[in-house]
Amino acid sequence: MFAPITQKPKSQSTRHNVKQDWEKLYRAAIIESDRSKVLQRIEDTEAAILKRSRRLSKSPAHNEKERKAITQALYILSLLRAKGED
């Protein structure tokens, strides 16, 4: 009677947008000058990175460059967090 609901494969532009999401949040976090907003920006970025990392783990091929960028971003965010707690 009704056709089953199926998920459409993500387009290349959708995948690119997901990647850009964490990158935009990351840039916003590292340039934030208002100390009262830095922690929230860090947390938002980490959440977006976690979401992206989960997607990358489902299709590990051809993602090494982004994985390295994520690792570096998480390190920088940890330094920012430590600096904000001083």
Protein backbone atom coordinates (compact mmCIF):
# COMPACT_ATOMS: atom_id res chain seq x y z
CA MET A 1 0.00 0.00 0.00
CA PHE A 2 2.66 2.50 1.04
CA ALA A 3 6.22 2.51 -0.19
CA PRO A 4 8.81 1.90 2.52
CA ILE A 5 10.74 4.90 3.71
CA THR A 6 14.35 4.71 2.68
CA GLN A 7 17.15 7.09 3.37
CA LYS A 8 18.67 8.75 0.38
CA PRO A 9 22.42 8.57 0.14
CA LYS A 10 24.09 11.76 1.21
CA SER A 11 25.22 13.89 -1.67
CA GLN A 12 28.78 15.09 -1.95
CA SER A 13 27.65 18.63 -1.06
CA THR A 14 25.85 17.40 2.08
CA ARG A 15 28.97 15.58 3.24
CA HIS A 16 31.01 18.68 2.52
CA ASN A 17 28.59 20.79 4.58
CA VAL A 18 28.92 18.44 7.56
CA LYS A 19 32.68 18.79 7.35
CA GLN A 20 32.38 22.54 7.12
CA ASP A 21 30.12 22.63 10.19
CA TRP A 22 32.82 21.56 12.61
CA GLU A 23 35.43 23.65 10.81
CA LYS A 24 33.31 26.82 11.05
CA LEU A 25 32.64 26.19 14.73
CA TYR A 26 36.34 25.53 15.31
CA ARG A 27 37.35 28.80 13.66
CA ALA A 28 34.76 30.68 15.71
CA ALA A 29 36.09 29.11 18.92
CA ILE A 30 39.73 29.96 18.28
CA ILE A 31 39.03 33.59 17.40
CA GLU A 32 36.46 34.23 20.15
CA SER A 33 37.68 37.16 22.23
CA ASP A 34 34.88 37.13 24.82
CA ARG A 35 36.12 34.82 27.56
CA SER A 36 32.57 34.19 28.75
CA LYS A 37 31.71 32.64 25.36
CA VAL A 38 34.85 30.60 24.72
CA LEU A 39 33.85 27.53 26.74
CA GLN A 40 30.47 27.27 25.00
CA ARG A 41 32.11 27.60 21.59
CA ILE A 42 34.61 24.88 22.52
CA GLU A 43 31.81 22.58 23.65
CA ASP A 44 29.80 23.21 20.47
CA THR A 45 32.85 22.47 18.35
CA GLU A 46 33.66 19.28 20.24
CA ALA A 47 30.08 18.08 19.79
CA ALA A 48 30.24 18.74 16.04
CA ILE A 49 33.61 16.99 15.82
CA LEU A 50 32.22 13.96 17.66
CA LYS A 51 29.29 13.80 15.25
CA ARG A 52 31.62 14.08 12.26
CA SER A 53 34.02 11.49 13.68
CA ARG A 54 31.18 9.01 14.01
CA ARG A 55 30.30 9.51 10.35
CA LEU A 56 33.92 9.15 9.31
CA SER A 57 34.24 5.89 11.21
CA LYS A 58 31.46 4.41 9.07
CA SER A 59 33.42 5.05 5.89
CA PRO A 60 37.11 5.09 6.77
CA ALA A 61 38.47 5.29 3.22
CA HIS A 62 39.86 8.60 1.97
CA ASN A 63 39.39 10.48 5.24
CA GLU A 64 42.92 10.53 6.64
CA LYS A 65 43.47 14.23 5.95
CA GLU A 66 40.28 15.21 7.78
CA ARG A 67 41.04 12.84 10.66
CA LYS A 68 44.40 14.54 11.13
CA ALA A 69 42.72 17.95 11.04
CA ILE A 70 40.25 16.78 13.69
CA THR A 71 43.05 15.49 15.92
CA GLN A 72 44.88 18.81 15.64
CA ALA A 73 41.69 20.79 16.27
CA LEU A 74 40.92 18.77 19.41
CA TYR A 75 44.43 19.43 20.70
CA ILE A 76 44.10 23.18 20.11
CA LEU A 77 40.67 23.18 21.75
CA SER A 78 42.11 21.43 24.81
CA LEU A 79 44.73 24.18 25.07
CA LEU A 80 42.06 26.85 24.76
CA ARG A 81 39.98 25.15 27.45
CA ALA A 82 42.97 25.02 29.80
CA LYS A 83 43.74 28.67 29.13
CA GLY A 84 40.12 29.64 29.81
CA GLU A 85 40.17 27.83 33.15
CA ASP A 86 43.16 29.85 34.38
